[in-house]
Amino acid sequence: ATKEGDICDLVYEVSKCFQRTSPE
């Protein structure tokens, strides 16, 4: 995978984490 691809995957994983921890 390219560096940009890894960063995209990382951001995606972090986004899911924030969505899970976000109070709703």
PDB file of N, CA and C in Angstrom:
ATOM      1  N   ALA A   1       0.847  -1.209   0.000  1.00  0.00           N
ATOM      2  CA  ALA A   1       0.000   0.000   0.000  1.00  0.00           C
ATOM      3  C   ALA A   1       0.876   1.251   0.000  1.00  0.00           C
ATOM      4  N   THR A   2       0.369   2.315  -0.594  1.00  0.00           N
ATOM      5  CA  THR A   2       1.139   3.557  -0.638  1.00  0.00           C
ATOM      6  C   THR A   2       1.007   4.305   0.687  1.00  0.00           C
ATOM      7  N   LYS A   3       1.894   5.258   0.923  1.00  0.00           N
ATOM      8  CA  LYS A   3       1.837   6.020   2.169  1.00  0.00           C
ATOM      9  C   LYS A   3       0.498   6.745   2.280  1.00  0.00           C
ATOM     10  N   GLU A   4       0.040   7.315   1.167  1.00  0.00           N
ATOM     11  CA  GLU A   4      -1.247   8.018   1.178  1.00  0.00           C
ATOM     12  C   GLU A   4      -2.362   7.049   1.528  1.00  0.00           C
ATOM     13  N   GLY A   5      -2.278   5.837   1.020  1.00  0.00           N
ATOM     14  CA  GLY A   5      -3.292   4.824   1.302  1.00  0.00           C
ATOM     15  C   GLY A   5      -3.294   4.476   2.781  1.00  0.00           C
ATOM     16  N   ASP A   6      -2.080   4.327   3.362  1.00  0.00           N
ATOM     17  CA  ASP A   6      -1.984   3.998   4.789  1.00  0.00           C
ATOM     18  C   ASP A   6      -2.571   5.115   5.623  1.00  0.00           C
ATOM     19  N   ILE A   7      -2.260   6.365   5.254  1.00  0.00           N
ATOM     20  CA  ILE A   7      -2.783   7.509   5.995  1.00  0.00           C
ATOM     21  C   ILE A   7      -4.305   7.535   5.906  1.00  0.00           C
ATOM     22  N   CYS A   8      -4.831   7.258   4.733  1.00  0.00           N
ATOM     23  CA  CYS A   8      -6.285   7.249   4.543  1.00  0.00           C
ATOM     24  C   CYS A   8      -6.916   6.199   5.441  1.00  0.00           C
ATOM     25  N   ASP A   9      -6.299   5.008   5.469  1.00  0.00           N
ATOM     26  CA  ASP A   9      -6.826   3.926   6.316  1.00  0.00           C
ATOM     27  C   ASP A   9      -6.756   4.343   7.774  1.00  0.00           C
ATOM     28  N   LEU A  10      -5.655   4.989   8.174  1.00  0.00           N
ATOM     29  CA  LEU A  10      -5.486   5.412   9.562  1.00  0.00           C
ATOM     30  C   LEU A  10      -6.558   6.425   9.934  1.00  0.00           C
ATOM     31  N   VAL A  11      -6.757   7.415   9.083  1.00  0.00           N
ATOM     32  CA  VAL A  11      -7.770   8.438   9.339  1.00  0.00           C
ATOM     33  C   VAL A  11      -9.149   7.800   9.426  1.00  0.00           C
ATOM     34  N   TYR A  12      -9.392   6.818   8.559  1.00  0.00           N
ATOM     35  CA  TYR A  12     -10.693   6.140   8.555  1.00  0.00           C
ATOM     36  C   TYR A  12     -10.904   5.409   9.875  1.00  0.00           C
ATOM     37  N   GLU A  13      -9.880   4.700  10.350  1.00  0.00           N
ATOM     38  CA  GLU A  13      -9.983   3.970  11.614  1.00  0.00           C
ATOM     39  C   GLU A  13     -10.210   4.945  12.762  1.00  0.00           C
ATOM     40  N   VAL A  14      -9.489   6.061  12.774  1.00  0.00           N
ATOM     41  CA  VAL A  14      -9.631   7.055  13.821  1.00  0.00           C
ATOM     42  C   VAL A  14     -11.032   7.648  13.785  1.00  0.00           C
ATOM     43  N   SER A  15     -11.539   7.882  12.578  1.00  0.00           N
ATOM     44  CA  SER A  15     -12.882   8.454  12.437  1.00  0.00           C
ATOM     45  C   SER A  15     -13.920   7.507  13.035  1.00  0.00           C
ATOM     46  N   LYS A  16     -13.769   6.208  12.775  1.00  0.00           N
ATOM     47  CA  LYS A  16     -14.705   5.235  13.330  1.00  0.00           C
ATOM     48  C   LYS A  16     -14.633   5.260  14.851  1.00  0.00           C
ATOM     49  N   CYS A  17     -13.417   5.395  15.381  1.00  0.00           N
ATOM     50  CA  CYS A  17     -13.231   5.426  16.828  1.00  0.00           C
ATOM     51  C   CYS A  17     -13.965   6.626  17.411  1.00  0.00           C
ATOM     52  N   PHE A  18     -13.819   7.790  16.793  1.00  0.00           N
ATOM     53  CA  PHE A  18     -14.488   8.993  17.282  1.00  0.00           C
ATOM     54  C   PHE A  18     -16.001   8.822  17.202  1.00  0.00           C
ATOM     55  N   GLN A  19     -16.482   8.227  16.127  1.00  0.00           N
ATOM     56  CA  GLN A  19     -17.923   8.030  15.968  1.00  0.00           C
ATOM     57  C   GLN A  19     -18.452   7.101  17.056  1.00  0.00           C
ATOM     58  N   ARG A  20     -17.663   6.095  17.425  1.00  0.00           N
ATOM     59  CA  ARG A  20     -18.104   5.141  18.440  1.00  0.00           C
ATOM     60  C   ARG A  20     -18.125   5.799  19.817  1.00  0.00           C
ATOM     61  N   THR A  21     -17.134   6.663  20.087  1.00  0.00           N
ATOM     62  CA  THR A  21     -17.026   7.267  21.406  1.00  0.00           C
ATOM     63  C   THR A  21     -17.877   8.528  21.518  1.00  0.00           C
ATOM     64  N   SER A  22     -18.366   9.033  20.397  1.00  0.00           N
ATOM     65  CA  SER A  22     -19.165  10.264  20.431  1.00  0.00           C
ATOM     66  C   SER A  22     -20.533  10.002  21.051  1.00  0.00           C
ATOM     67  N   PRO A  23     -20.936  10.800  22.032  1.00  0.00           N
ATOM     68  CA  PRO A  23     -22.236  10.628  22.672  1.00  0.00           C
ATOM     69  C   PRO A  23     -23.378  11.010  21.736  1.00  0.00           C
ATOM     70  N   GLU A  24     -24.267  10.079  21.488  1.00  0.00           N
ATOM     71  CA  GLU A  24     -25.390  10.370  20.595  1.00  0.00           C
ATOM     72  C   GLU A  24     -26.617   9.583  21.030  1.00  0.00           C
TER      73      GLU A  24
END
